[in-house]
Protein backbone atom coordinates (compact mmCIF):
# COMPACT_ATOMS: atom_id res chain seq x y z
CA MET A 1 118.44 217.53 168.86
CA GLU A 2 115.19 219.46 168.25
CA LEU A 3 111.97 217.47 167.62
CA ASP A 4 110.39 218.70 164.43
CA ARG A 5 107.28 217.31 162.89
CA HIS A 6 109.22 214.45 161.10
CA ARG A 7 110.64 213.10 164.27
CA TYR A 8 107.32 213.34 166.04
CA PHE A 9 105.70 211.38 163.26
CA VAL A 10 108.33 208.66 163.43
CA LEU A 11 108.05 208.28 167.17
CA GLY A 12 104.34 207.99 166.92
CA VAL A 13 104.65 205.27 164.07
CA ILE A 14 107.14 203.43 166.27
CA LEU A 15 104.71 203.55 169.32
CA LEU A 16 101.86 202.37 167.08
CA LEU A 17 103.92 199.46 165.75
CA LEU A 18 104.91 198.48 169.14
CA GLY A 19 101.25 198.85 170.47
CA ILE A 20 100.16 196.45 167.59
CA GLN A 21 102.95 194.10 168.49
CA PHE A 22 101.82 193.91 172.31
CA ARG A 23 98.05 193.64 171.24
CA MET A 24 99.13 190.55 169.05
CA VAL A 25 101.50 188.78 171.57
CA ASP A 26 100.33 186.85 174.67
CA SER A 27 103.75 186.32 176.18
CA LEU A 28 107.43 186.88 175.43
CA VAL A 29 109.97 184.19 176.04
CA LEU A 30 113.57 185.38 176.67
CA ASN A 31 116.60 183.41 175.64
CA GLU A 32 119.32 182.26 178.02
CA SER A 33 121.56 185.04 177.81
CA SER A 34 118.82 187.72 178.31
CA THR A 35 117.51 185.84 181.20
CA LYS A 36 121.12 185.78 182.86
CA MET A 37 121.28 189.47 182.32
CA LEU A 38 117.89 190.05 183.69
CA TYR A 39 118.92 187.86 186.81
CA LYS A 40 122.13 190.01 187.37
CA VAL A 41 120.28 193.40 187.10
CA ALA A 42 117.52 192.09 189.45
CA LYS A 43 120.20 190.65 191.85
CA ARG A 44 121.47 194.14 192.47
CA SER A 45 118.07 195.53 193.53
CA GLN A 46 117.08 195.25 197.25
CA LEU A 47 113.54 193.91 196.43
CA ALA A 48 115.06 190.89 194.61
CA ASP A 49 117.39 190.34 197.45
CA SER A 50 114.72 189.91 199.90
CA ASN A 51 112.61 187.57 197.80
CA LEU A 52 114.23 183.97 197.99
CA GLY A 53 111.69 182.38 195.81
CA THR A 54 112.67 184.67 192.93
CA GLN A 55 116.20 183.95 193.33
CA ALA A 56 115.64 180.20 193.19
CA TYR A 57 113.40 180.41 190.26
CA MET A 58 115.97 182.58 188.23
CA GLN A 59 118.75 180.23 189.02
CA MET A 60 116.87 177.05 188.05
CA ASN A 61 115.12 178.15 184.93
CA SER A 62 117.14 178.92 181.78
CA LYS A 63 114.31 180.85 179.96
CA LYS A 64 112.09 183.53 181.54
CA SER A 65 108.60 184.23 180.14
CA ILE A 66 107.15 187.84 180.40
CA ASP A 67 103.41 188.19 180.26
CA PRO A 68 102.69 191.92 179.36
CA PRO A 69 99.48 193.42 180.62
CA ASP A 70 96.66 193.87 178.28
CA TRP A 71 96.41 197.68 178.70
CA LEU A 72 100.08 198.07 177.53
CA GLY A 73 99.12 197.52 173.94
CA TRP A 74 96.11 199.91 173.97
CA ALA A 75 98.34 202.60 175.80
CA LEU A 76 100.96 202.35 173.14
CA LEU A 77 98.47 202.55 170.37
CA SER A 78 96.71 205.54 171.86
CA ALA A 79 99.94 207.33 172.55
CA GLY A 80 101.10 206.76 169.22
CA THR A 81 98.06 207.99 167.44
CA VAL A 82 97.99 211.09 169.48
CA ILE A 83 101.59 211.82 168.65
CA CYS A 84 101.17 211.16 164.93
CA LEU A 85 98.13 213.40 164.93
CA HIS A 86 100.07 216.10 166.85
CA SER A 87 102.86 215.98 164.28
CA PHE A 88 100.34 216.70 161.45
CA ALA A 89 99.22 219.83 163.39
CA MET A 90 102.76 221.15 163.79
CA PRO A 91 103.82 224.07 161.44
CA LYS A 92 106.41 222.99 158.68
CA LYS A 93 109.90 223.86 159.20
CA LYS A 94 111.09 226.68 156.68
């Protein structure tokens, strides 16, 4: 798949929208099925196996809350803007 100017533009818009979303949200709460899936994935890693508190927390709570850092929204906004502007500078496909 060749990345032409239209695909660059769509990628930039998606990153812009994700950046706006992360700037407007304080925390994300996962439902029970995604929390269980996250626990299964984290259970396989060696870092999660060594931390007993994390295992107990994941088993007791049915919902997990994720607090994204403040810089993530700004990073996605800036990357999306740069990619959109780059798509305008690319030559049109003939």
